[in-house]
Full PDB file with SEQRES, HELIX, SHEET, SSBOND, CRYST1, ORIGX, SCALE, CONECT and MASTER records, all heavy atoms in Angstrom:
SEQRES   1 A   38  SER VAL ASN ASP PRO THR ASN VAL GLY LYS SER ALA ILE          
SEQRES   2 A   38  ASN ARG GLU LEU ALA MET PHE ALA ALA GLY HIS LEU ARG          
SEQRES   3 A   38  ARG ASP GLU CYS LEU VAL LEU GLU LYS THR GLN TRP              
HELIX    1 AA1 ARG A   15  PHE A   20  1                                   6    
CRYST1    1.000    1.000    1.000  90.00  90.00  90.00 P 1           1          
ORIGX1      1.000000  0.000000  0.000000        0.00000                         
ORIGX2      0.000000  1.000000  0.000000        0.00000                         
ORIGX3      0.000000  0.000000  1.000000        0.00000                         
SCALE1      1.000000  0.000000  0.000000        0.00000                         
SCALE2      0.000000  1.000000  0.000000        0.00000                         
SCALE3      0.000000  0.000000  1.000000        0.00000                         
ATOM      1  N   SER A   1      42.241-103.081   3.161  1.00  0.00           N  
ATOM      2  CA  SER A   1      41.188-103.805   3.905  1.00  0.00           C  
ATOM      3  C   SER A   1      41.018-105.166   3.282  1.00  0.00           C  
ATOM      4  O   SER A   1      41.016-105.344   2.064  1.00  0.00           O  
ATOM      5  CB  SER A   1      39.881-103.046   3.778  1.00  0.00           C  
ATOM      6  OG  SER A   1      38.827-103.815   4.231  1.00  0.00           O  
ATOM      7  N   VAL A   2      40.878-106.166   4.125  1.00  0.00           N  
ATOM      8  CA  VAL A   2      40.697-107.508   3.622  1.00  0.00           C  
ATOM      9  C   VAL A   2      39.239-107.704   3.094  1.00  0.00           C  
ATOM     10  O   VAL A   2      39.005-108.504   2.256  1.00  0.00           O  
ATOM     11  CB  VAL A   2      41.054-108.559   4.687  1.00  0.00           C  
ATOM     12  CG1 VAL A   2      40.000-108.656   5.768  1.00  0.00           C  
ATOM     13  CG2 VAL A   2      41.337-109.884   4.073  1.00  0.00           C  
ATOM     14  N   ASN A   3      38.318-106.859   3.570  1.00  0.00           N  
ATOM     15  CA  ASN A   3      36.917-107.007   3.179  1.00  0.00           C  
ATOM     16  C   ASN A   3      36.524-106.105   1.995  1.00  0.00           C  
ATOM     17  O   ASN A   3      35.443-106.309   1.414  1.00  0.00           O  
ATOM     18  CB  ASN A   3      35.995-106.685   4.385  1.00  0.00           C  
ATOM     19  CG  ASN A   3      36.165-107.711   5.440  1.00  0.00           C  
ATOM     20  OD1 ASN A   3      36.335-108.884   5.197  1.00  0.00           O  
ATOM     21  ND2 ASN A   3      36.074-107.264   6.689  1.00  0.00           N  
ATOM     22  N   ASP A   4      37.274-105.050   1.716  1.00  0.00           N  
ATOM     23  CA  ASP A   4      36.918-104.113   0.673  1.00  0.00           C  
ATOM     24  C   ASP A   4      38.104-103.852  -0.223  1.00  0.00           C  
ATOM     25  O   ASP A   4      39.021-103.133   0.125  1.00  0.00           O  
ATOM     26  CB  ASP A   4      36.454-102.807   1.320  1.00  0.00           C  
ATOM     27  CG  ASP A   4      35.975-101.760   0.300  1.00  0.00           C  
ATOM     28  OD1 ASP A   4      36.033-102.050  -0.897  1.00  0.00           O  
ATOM     29  OD2 ASP A   4      35.551-100.691   0.752  1.00  0.00           O  
ATOM     30  N   PRO A   5      38.126-104.443  -1.437  1.00  0.00           N  
ATOM     31  CA  PRO A   5      39.271-104.286  -2.341  1.00  0.00           C  
ATOM     32  C   PRO A   5      39.497-102.863  -2.852  1.00  0.00           C  
ATOM     33  O   PRO A   5      40.505-102.554  -3.436  1.00  0.00           O  
ATOM     34  CB  PRO A   5      38.946-105.228  -3.502  1.00  0.00           C  
ATOM     35  CG  PRO A   5      37.504-105.469  -3.437  1.00  0.00           C  
ATOM     36  CD  PRO A   5      37.070-105.280  -2.011  1.00  0.00           C  
ATOM     37  N   THR A   6      38.514-101.962  -2.634  1.00  0.00           N  
ATOM     38  CA  THR A   6      38.677-100.563  -3.026  1.00  0.00           C  
ATOM     39  C   THR A   6      39.317 -99.705  -1.936  1.00  0.00           C  
ATOM     40  O   THR A   6      39.736 -98.575  -2.210  1.00  0.00           O  
ATOM     41  CB  THR A   6      37.344 -99.927  -3.431  1.00  0.00           C  
ATOM     42  OG1 THR A   6      36.466 -99.891  -2.274  1.00  0.00           O  
ATOM     43  CG2 THR A   6      36.693-100.704  -4.540  1.00  0.00           C  
ATOM     44  N   ASN A   7      39.429-100.240  -0.732  1.00  0.00           N  
ATOM     45  CA  ASN A   7      39.999 -99.514   0.385  1.00  0.00           C  
ATOM     46  C   ASN A   7      41.474 -99.953   0.577  1.00  0.00           C  
ATOM     47  O   ASN A   7      41.802-100.744   1.453  1.00  0.00           O  
ATOM     48  CB  ASN A   7      39.195 -99.812   1.680  1.00  0.00           C  
ATOM     49  CG  ASN A   7      39.601 -98.927   2.829  1.00  0.00           C  
ATOM     50  OD1 ASN A   7      40.113 -97.859   2.682  1.00  0.00           O  
ATOM     51  ND2 ASN A   7      39.400 -99.445   4.044  1.00  0.00           N  
ATOM     52  N   VAL A   8      42.339 -99.440  -0.308  1.00  0.00           N  
ATOM     53  CA  VAL A   8      43.751 -99.819  -0.297  1.00  0.00           C  
ATOM     54  C   VAL A   8      44.638 -98.582  -0.411  1.00  0.00           C  
ATOM     55  O   VAL A   8      44.226 -97.548  -0.950  1.00  0.00           O  
ATOM     56  CB  VAL A   8      44.117-100.824  -1.430  1.00  0.00           C  
ATOM     57  CG1 VAL A   8      43.433-102.112  -1.233  1.00  0.00           C  
ATOM     58  CG2 VAL A   8      43.800-100.220  -2.806  1.00  0.00           C  
ATOM     59  N   GLY A   9      45.855 -98.701   0.079  1.00  0.00           N  
ATOM     60  CA  GLY A   9      46.825 -97.656  -0.039  1.00  0.00           C  
ATOM     61  C   GLY A   9      47.662 -97.783  -1.297  1.00  0.00           C  
ATOM     62  O   GLY A   9      47.386 -98.641  -2.151  1.00  0.00           O  
ATOM     63  N   LYS A  10      48.686 -96.975  -1.387  1.00  0.00           N  
ATOM     64  CA  LYS A  10      49.594 -97.020  -2.534  1.00  0.00           C  
ATOM     65  C   LYS A  10      50.546 -98.211  -2.424  1.00  0.00           C  
ATOM     66  O   LYS A  10      50.958 -98.594  -1.326  1.00  0.00           O  
ATOM     67  CB  LYS A  10      50.405 -95.716  -2.593  1.00  0.00           C  
ATOM     68  CG  LYS A  10      49.571 -94.477  -2.565  1.00  0.00           C  
ATOM     69  CD  LYS A  10      49.500 -93.898  -3.952  1.00  0.00           C  
ATOM     70  CE  LYS A  10      48.851 -92.532  -3.907  1.00  0.00           C  
ATOM     71  NZ  LYS A  10      47.537 -92.489  -4.381  1.00  0.00           N  
ATOM     72  N   SER A  11      50.957 -98.789  -3.546  1.00  0.00           N  
ATOM     73  CA  SER A  11      51.975 -99.811  -3.552  1.00  0.00           C  
ATOM     74  C   SER A  11      53.336 -99.215  -3.288  1.00  0.00           C  
ATOM     75  O   SER A  11      53.617 -98.089  -3.709  1.00  0.00           O  
ATOM     76  CB  SER A  11      51.973-100.546  -4.882  1.00  0.00           C  
ATOM     77  OG  SER A  11      50.769-101.226  -5.075  1.00  0.00           O  
ATOM     78  N   ALA A  12      54.170 -99.948  -2.611  1.00  0.00           N  
ATOM     79  CA  ALA A  12      55.516 -99.473  -2.267  1.00  0.00           C  
ATOM     80  C   ALA A  12      56.516-100.606  -2.355  1.00  0.00           C  
ATOM     81  O   ALA A  12      56.161-101.776  -2.420  1.00  0.00           O  
ATOM     82  CB  ALA A  12      55.515 -98.898  -0.821  1.00  0.00           C  
ATOM     83  N   ILE A  13      57.804-100.235  -2.335  1.00  0.00           N  
ATOM     84  CA  ILE A  13      58.883-101.222  -2.504  1.00  0.00           C  
ATOM     85  C   ILE A  13      59.260-101.919  -1.207  1.00  0.00           C  
ATOM     86  O   ILE A  13      59.979-102.920  -1.251  1.00  0.00           O  
ATOM     87  CB  ILE A  13      60.119-100.629  -3.155  1.00  0.00           C  
ATOM     88  CG1 ILE A  13      60.681 -99.488  -2.339  1.00  0.00           C  
ATOM     89  CG2 ILE A  13      59.802-100.174  -4.607  1.00  0.00           C  
ATOM     90  CD1 ILE A  13      62.022 -99.009  -2.811  1.00  0.00           C  
ATOM     91  N   ASN A  14      58.813-101.396  -0.071  1.00  0.00           N  
ATOM     92  CA  ASN A  14      59.069-102.076   1.182  1.00  0.00           C  
ATOM     93  C   ASN A  14      57.928-101.827   2.191  1.00  0.00           C  
ATOM     94  O   ASN A  14      57.081-101.001   1.951  1.00  0.00           O  
ATOM     95  CB  ASN A  14      60.462-101.730   1.795  1.00  0.00           C  
ATOM     96  CG  ASN A  14      60.573-100.265   2.146  1.00  0.00           C  
ATOM     97  OD1 ASN A  14      59.642 -99.642   2.646  1.00  0.00           O  
ATOM     98  ND2 ASN A  14      61.716 -99.675   1.878  1.00  0.00           N  
ATOM     99  N   ARG A  15      57.966-102.575   3.282  1.00  0.00           N  
ATOM    100  CA  ARG A  15      56.884-102.473   4.276  1.00  0.00           C  
ATOM    101  C   ARG A  15      56.736-101.089   4.877  1.00  0.00           C  
ATOM    102  O   ARG A  15      55.640-100.574   5.061  1.00  0.00           O  
ATOM    103  CB  ARG A  15      57.152-103.446   5.431  1.00  0.00           C  
ATOM    104  CG  ARG A  15      57.336-104.865   5.038  1.00  0.00           C  
ATOM    105  CD  ARG A  15      57.898-105.648   6.225  1.00  0.00           C  
ATOM    106  NE  ARG A  15      56.905-105.792   7.254  1.00  0.00           N  
ATOM    107  CZ  ARG A  15      56.486-106.968   7.738  1.00  0.00           C  
ATOM    108  NH1 ARG A  15      56.977-108.062   7.263  1.00  0.00           N  
ATOM    109  NH2 ARG A  15      55.574-107.014   8.676  1.00  0.00           N  
ATOM    110  N   GLU A  16      57.881-100.468   5.190  1.00  0.00           N  
ATOM    111  CA  GLU A  16      57.883 -99.168   5.852  1.00  0.00           C  
ATOM    112  C   GLU A  16      57.227 -98.124   4.952  1.00  0.00           C  
ATOM    113  O   GLU A  16      56.445 -97.280   5.395  1.00  0.00           O  
ATOM    114  CB  GLU A  16      59.267 -98.752   6.256  1.00  0.00           C  
ATOM    115  CG  GLU A  16      59.862 -99.628   7.374  1.00  0.00           C  
ATOM    116  CD  GLU A  16      60.402-100.962   6.886  1.00  0.00           C  
ATOM    117  OE1 GLU A  16      60.613-101.141   5.654  1.00  0.00           O  
ATOM    118  OE2 GLU A  16      60.588-101.865   7.727  1.00  0.00           O  
ATOM    119  N   LEU A  17      57.612 -98.107   3.683  1.00  0.00           N  
ATOM    120  CA  LEU A  17      57.011 -97.149   2.740  1.00  0.00           C  
ATOM    121  C   LEU A  17      55.536 -97.410   2.511  1.00  0.00           C  
ATOM    122  O   LEU A  17      54.730 -96.489   2.332  1.00  0.00           O  
ATOM    123  CB  LEU A  17      57.759 -97.160   1.419  1.00  0.00           C  
ATOM    124  CG  LEU A  17      59.123 -96.489   1.399  1.00  0.00           C  
ATOM    125  CD1 LEU A  17      59.799 -96.676   0.036  1.00  0.00           C  
ATOM    126  CD2 LEU A  17      59.009 -95.035   1.748  1.00  0.00           C  
ATOM    127  N   ALA A  18      55.118 -98.660   2.557  1.00  0.00           N  
ATOM    128  CA  ALA A  18      53.699 -98.984   2.420  1.00  0.00           C  
ATOM    129  C   ALA A  18      52.886 -98.407   3.580  1.00  0.00           C  
ATOM    130  O   ALA A  18      51.804 -97.894   3.383  1.00  0.00           O  
ATOM    131  CB  ALA A  18      53.498-100.480   2.334  1.00  0.00           C  
ATOM    132  N   MET A  19      53.459 -98.466   4.773  1.00  0.00           N  
ATOM    133  CA  MET A  19      52.782 -97.870   5.945  1.00  0.00           C  
ATOM    134  C   MET A  19      52.787 -96.347   5.874  1.00  0.00           C  
ATOM    135  O   MET A  19      51.811 -95.712   6.263  1.00  0.00           O  
ATOM    136  CB  MET A  19      53.474 -98.311   7.241  1.00  0.00           C  
ATOM    137  CG  MET A  19      53.471 -99.828   7.450  1.00  0.00           C  
ATOM    138  SD  MET A  19      51.872-100.494   7.749  1.00  0.00           S  
ATOM    139  CE  MET A  19      51.876-100.585   9.517  1.00  0.00           C  
ATOM    140  N   PHE A  20      53.841 -95.790   5.296  1.00  0.00           N  
ATOM    141  CA  PHE A  20      53.927 -94.333   5.184  1.00  0.00           C  
ATOM    142  C   PHE A  20      52.987 -93.816   4.090  1.00  0.00           C  
ATOM    143  O   PHE A  20      52.374 -92.775   4.223  1.00  0.00           O  
ATOM    144  CB  PHE A  20      55.384 -93.934   4.874  1.00  0.00           C  
ATOM    145  CG  PHE A  20      55.587 -92.453   4.764  1.00  0.00           C  
ATOM    146  CD1 PHE A  20      55.623 -91.669   5.907  1.00  0.00           C  
ATOM    147  CD2 PHE A  20      55.739 -91.854   3.510  1.00  0.00           C  
ATOM    148  CE1 PHE A  20      55.796 -90.285   5.807  1.00  0.00           C  
ATOM    149  CE2 PHE A  20      55.924 -90.486   3.435  1.00  0.00           C  
ATOM    150  CZ  PHE A  20      55.948 -89.700   4.564  1.00  0.00           C  
ATOM    151  N   ALA A  21      52.899 -94.562   2.972  1.00  0.00           N  
ATOM    152  CA  ALA A  21      52.126 -94.128   1.817  1.00  0.00           C  
ATOM    153  C   ALA A  21      50.740 -94.758   1.818  1.00  0.00           C  
ATOM    154  O   ALA A  21      50.180 -95.024   0.749  1.00  0.00           O  
ATOM    155  CB  ALA A  21      52.870 -94.471   0.512  1.00  0.00           C  
ATOM    156  N   ALA A  22      50.191 -94.994   2.987  1.00  0.00           N  
ATOM    157  CA  ALA A  22      48.920 -95.684   3.058  1.00  0.00           C  
ATOM    158  C   ALA A  22      47.767 -94.889   2.447  1.00  0.00           C  
ATOM    159  O   ALA A  22      46.793 -95.485   1.977  1.00  0.00           O  
ATOM    160  CB  ALA A  22      48.595 -96.010   4.515  1.00  0.00           C  
ATOM    161  N   GLY A  23      47.875 -93.590   2.416  1.00  0.00           N  
ATOM    162  CA  GLY A  23      46.848 -92.772   1.805  1.00  0.00           C  
ATOM    163  C   GLY A  23      45.662 -92.530   2.761  1.00  0.00           C  
ATOM    164  O   GLY A  23      45.799 -92.665   3.951  1.00  0.00           O  
ATOM    165  N   HIS A  24      44.510 -92.281   2.200  1.00  0.00           N  
ATOM    166  CA  HIS A  24      43.312 -91.962   2.995  1.00  0.00           C  
ATOM    167  C   HIS A  24      42.435 -93.211   3.102  1.00  0.00           C  
ATOM    168  O   HIS A  24      41.411 -93.323   2.429  1.00  0.00           O  
ATOM    169  CB  HIS A  24      42.551 -90.807   2.349  1.00  0.00           C  
ATOM    170  CG  HIS A  24      43.352 -89.564   2.310  1.00  0.00           C  
ATOM    171  ND1 HIS A  24      43.619 -88.801   3.412  1.00  0.00           N  
ATOM    172  CD2 HIS A  24      43.963 -88.940   1.272  1.00  0.00           C  
ATOM    173  CE1 HIS A  24      44.362 -87.774   3.069  1.00  0.00           C  
ATOM    174  NE2 HIS A  24      44.591 -87.823   1.801  1.00  0.00           N  
ATOM    175  N   LEU A  25      42.828 -94.134   3.920  1.00  0.00           N  
ATOM    176  CA  LEU A  25      42.072 -95.350   4.117  1.00  0.00           C  
ATOM    177  C   LEU A  25      40.979 -95.130   5.121  1.00  0.00           C  
ATOM    178  O   LEU A  25      41.157 -94.420   6.106  1.00  0.00           O  
ATOM    179  CB  LEU A  25      42.969 -96.483   4.613  1.00  0.00           C  
ATOM    180  CG  LEU A  25      44.087 -96.895   3.688  1.00  0.00           C  
ATOM    181  CD1 LEU A  25      45.076 -97.814   4.407  1.00  0.00           C  
ATOM    182  CD2 LEU A  25      43.534 -97.607   2.467  1.00  0.00           C  
ATOM    183  N   ARG A  26      39.829 -95.753   4.924  1.00  0.00           N  
ATOM    184  CA  ARG A  26      38.772 -95.768   5.916  1.00  0.00           C  
ATOM    185  C   ARG A  26      39.261 -96.647   7.057  1.00  0.00           C  
ATOM    186  O   ARG A  26      39.748 -97.750   6.838  1.00  0.00           O  
ATOM    187  CB  ARG A  26      37.464 -96.315   5.326  1.00  0.00           C  
ATOM    188  CG  ARG A  26      36.831 -95.374   4.347  1.00  0.00           C  
ATOM    189  CD  ARG A  26      35.456 -95.843   3.937  1.00  0.00           C  
ATOM    190  NE  ARG A  26      35.338 -97.275   3.732  1.00  0.00           N  
ATOM    191  CZ  ARG A  26      35.715 -97.927   2.622  1.00  0.00           C  
ATOM    192  NH1 ARG A  26      36.232 -97.238   1.625  1.00  0.00           N  
ATOM    193  NH2 ARG A  26      35.543 -99.219   2.512  1.00  0.00           N  
ATOM    194  N   ARG A  27      39.169 -96.182   8.291  1.00  0.00           N  
ATOM    195  CA  ARG A  27      39.686 -96.905   9.441  1.00  0.00           C  
ATOM    196  C   ARG A  27      38.576 -97.554  10.264  1.00  0.00           C  
ATOM    197  O   ARG A  27      38.765 -97.836  11.421  1.00  0.00           O  
ATOM    198  CB  ARG A  27      40.501 -95.937  10.303  1.00  0.00           C  
ATOM    199  CG  ARG A  27      41.672 -95.282   9.628  1.00  0.00           C  
ATOM    200  CD  ARG A  27      42.680 -96.272   9.012  1.00  0.00           C  
ATOM    201  NE  ARG A  27      43.220 -97.239   9.948  1.00  0.00           N  
ATOM    202  CZ  ARG A  27      44.332 -97.100  10.640  1.00  0.00           C  
ATOM    203  NH1 ARG A  27      45.026 -96.024  10.545  1.00  0.00           N  
ATOM    204  NH2 ARG A  27      44.663 -98.040  11.480  1.00  0.00           N  
ATOM    205  N   ASP A  28      37.411 -97.800   9.641  1.00  0.00           N  
ATOM    206  CA  ASP A  28      36.300 -98.405  10.400  1.00  0.00           C  
ATOM    207  C   ASP A  28      36.393 -99.939  10.490  1.00  0.00           C  
ATOM    208  O   ASP A  28      35.590-100.573  11.126  1.00  0.00           O  
ATOM    209  CB  ASP A  28      34.980 -98.024   9.780  1.00  0.00           C  
ATOM    210  CG  ASP A  28      34.854 -98.381   8.326  1.00  0.00           C  
ATOM    211  OD1 ASP A  28      35.912 -98.601   7.670  1.00  0.00           O  
ATOM    212  OD2 ASP A  28      33.715 -98.438   7.816  1.00  0.00           O  
ATOM    213  N   GLU A  29      37.425-100.543   9.848  1.00  0.00           N  
ATOM    214  CA  GLU A  29      37.635-101.966   9.959  1.00  0.00           C  
ATOM    215  C   GLU A  29      39.121-102.242   9.998  1.00  0.00           C  
ATOM    216  O   GLU A  29      39.955-101.371   9.706  1.00  0.00           O  
ATOM    217  CB  GLU A  29      36.992-102.729   8.800  1.00  0.00           C  
ATOM    218  CG  GLU A  29      37.467-102.282   7.466  1.00  0.00           C  
ATOM    219  CD  GLU A  29      36.684-102.937   6.341  1.00  0.00           C  
ATOM    220  OE1 GLU A  29      35.469-103.175   6.481  1.00  0.00           O  
ATOM    221  OE2 GLU A  29      37.313-103.246   5.324  1.00  0.00           O  
ATOM    222  N   CYS A  30      39.519-103.440  10.415  1.00  0.00           N  
ATOM    223  CA  CYS A  30      40.907-103.793  10.529  1.00  0.00           C  
ATOM    224  C   CYS A  30      41.607-103.808   9.166  1.00  0.00           C  
ATOM    225  O   CYS A  30      40.983-104.215   8.186  1.00  0.00           O  
ATOM    226  CB  CYS A  30      41.057-105.132  11.190  1.00  0.00           C  
ATOM    227  SG  CYS A  30      40.559-105.165  12.896  1.00  0.00           S  
ATOM    228  N   LEU A  31      42.834-103.383   9.145  1.00  0.00           N  
ATOM    229  CA  LEU A  31      43.650-103.351   7.928  1.00  0.00           C  
ATOM    230  C   LEU A  31      44.690-104.468   7.923  1.00  0.00           C  
ATOM    231  O   LEU A  31      45.007-105.012   8.973  1.00  0.00           O  
ATOM    232  CB  LEU A  31      44.353-102.007   7.803  1.00  0.00           C  
ATOM    233  CG  LEU A  31      43.455-100.773   7.729  1.00  0.00           C  
ATOM    234  CD1 LEU A  31      44.313 -99.512   7.718  1.00  0.00           C  
ATOM    235  CD2 LEU A  31      42.537-100.812   6.513  1.00  0.00           C  
ATOM    236  N   VAL A  32      45.174-104.797   6.735  1.00  0.00           N  
ATOM    237  CA  VAL A  32      46.225-105.792   6.594  1.00  0.00           C  
ATOM    238  C   VAL A  32      47.358-105.207   5.796  1.00  0.00           C  
ATOM    239  O   VAL A  32      47.199-104.267   5.020  1.00  0.00           O  
ATOM    240  CB  VAL A  32      45.694-107.064   5.897  1.00  0.00           C  
ATOM    241  CG1 VAL A  32      44.622-107.747   6.717  1.00  0.00           C  
ATOM    242  CG2 VAL A  32      45.172-106.765   4.482  1.00  0.00           C  
ATOM    243  N   LEU A  33      48.561-105.758   5.989  1.00  0.00           N  
ATOM    244  CA  LEU A  33      49.698-105.440   5.181  1.00  0.00           C  
ATOM    245  C   LEU A  33      49.911-106.639   4.250  1.00  0.00           C  
ATOM    246  O   LEU A  33      50.102-107.780   4.707  1.00  0.00           O  
ATOM    247  CB  LEU A  33      50.951-105.212   6.031  1.00  0.00           C  
ATOM    248  CG  LEU A  33      52.268-104.973   5.290  1.00  0.00           C  
ATOM    249  CD1 LEU A  33      52.212-103.663   4.512  1.00  0.00           C  
ATOM    250  CD2 LEU A  33      53.417-104.964   6.262  1.00  0.00           C  
ATOM    251  N   GLU A  34      49.910-106.378   2.927  1.00  0.00           N  
ATOM    252  CA  GLU A  34      50.059-107.473   2.011  1.00  0.00           C  
ATOM    253  C   GLU A  34      51.299-107.330   1.129  1.00  0.00           C  
ATOM    254  O   GLU A  34      51.748-106.222   0.884  1.00  0.00           O  
ATOM    255  CB  GLU A  34      48.813-107.626   1.113  1.00  0.00           C  
ATOM    256  CG  GLU A  34      48.448-106.424   0.306  1.00  0.00           C  
ATOM    257  CD  GLU A  34      47.148-106.568  -0.460  1.00  0.00           C  
ATOM    258  OE1 GLU A  34      46.208-107.168   0.077  1.00  0.00           O  
ATOM    259  OE2 GLU A  34      47.125-106.071  -1.585  1.00  0.00           O  
ATOM    260  N   LYS A  35      51.837-108.443   0.688  1.00  0.00           N  
ATOM    261  CA  LYS A  35      52.989-108.497  -0.200  1.00  0.00           C  
ATOM    262  C   LYS A  35      52.550-109.188  -1.478  1.00  0.00           C  
ATOM    263  O   LYS A  35      51.958-110.251  -1.437  1.00  0.00           O  
ATOM    264  CB  LYS A  35      54.111-109.271   0.490  1.00  0.00           C  
ATOM    265  CG  LYS A  35      55.337-109.495  -0.355  1.00  0.00           C  
ATOM    266  CD  LYS A  35      56.339-110.344   0.427  1.00  0.00           C  
ATOM    267  CE  LYS A  35      57.575-110.644  -0.364  1.00  0.00           C  
ATOM    268  NZ  LYS A  35      58.562-111.424   0.400  1.00  0.00           N  
ATOM    269  N   THR A  36      52.917-108.578  -2.614  1.00  0.00           N  
ATOM    270  CA  THR A  36      52.556-109.168  -3.907  1.00  0.00           C  
ATOM    271  C   THR A  36      53.811-109.406  -4.755  1.00  0.00           C  
ATOM    272  O   THR A  36      54.660-108.526  -4.868  1.00  0.00           O  
ATOM    273  CB  THR A  36      51.592-108.237  -4.718  1.00  0.00           C  
ATOM    274  OG1 THR A  36      50.430-108.031  -3.910  1.00  0.00           O  
ATOM    275  CG2 THR A  36      51.237-108.810  -6.043  1.00  0.00           C  
ATOM    276  N   GLN A  37      53.925-110.602  -5.293  1.00  0.00           N  
ATOM    277  CA  GLN A  37      55.000-110.963  -6.200  1.00  0.00           C  
ATOM    278  C   GLN A  37      54.440-110.830  -7.631  1.00  0.00           C  
ATOM    279  O   GLN A  37      53.358-111.345  -7.926  1.00  0.00           O  
ATOM    280  CB  GLN A  37      55.459-112.423  -5.968  1.00  0.00           C  
ATOM    281  CG  GLN A  37      56.422-112.956  -6.981  1.00  0.00           C  
ATOM    282  CD  GLN A  37      57.807-112.344  -6.807  1.00  0.00           C  
ATOM    283  OE1 GLN A  37      58.267-112.202  -5.705  1.00  0.00           O  
ATOM    284  NE2 GLN A  37      58.447-112.010  -7.898  1.00  0.00           N  
ATOM    285  N   TRP A  38      55.143-110.109  -8.466  1.00  0.00           N  
ATOM    286  CA  TRP A  38      54.713-109.868  -9.845  1.00  0.00           C  
ATOM    287  C   TRP A  38      55.559-110.685 -10.790  1.00  0.00           C  
ATOM    288  O   TRP A  38      56.729-110.972 -10.556  1.00  0.00           O  
ATOM    289  CB  TRP A  38      54.864-108.376 -10.171  1.00  0.00           C  
ATOM    290  CG  TRP A  38      54.010-107.508  -9.331  1.00  0.00           C  
ATOM    291  CD1 TRP A  38      54.265-107.089  -8.068  1.00  0.00           C  
ATOM    292  CD2 TRP A  38      52.738-106.994  -9.674  1.00  0.00           C  
ATOM    293  NE1 TRP A  38      53.247-106.305  -7.608  1.00  0.00           N  
ATOM    294  CE2 TRP A  38      52.260-106.239  -8.585  1.00  0.00           C  
ATOM    295  CE3 TRP A  38      51.912-107.082 -10.796  1.00  0.00           C  
ATOM    296  CZ2 TRP A  38      51.049-105.576  -8.584  1.00  0.00           C  
ATOM    297  CZ3 TRP A  38      50.692-106.422 -10.799  1.00  0.00           C  
ATOM    298  CH2 TRP A  38      50.276-105.685  -9.700  1.00  0.00           C  
TER     299      TRP A  38                                                      
MASTER        0    0    0    1    0    0    0    6  298    1    0    3          
END                                                                             
């Protein structure tokens, strides 16, 4: 969630796995797909 930093899924190595491993997110607001460079 862009508005709630505690409402996030698991980190993954690609976009597809991130969507698959999203976990139990609250769906009462719009979600985003983010990419992080470490």
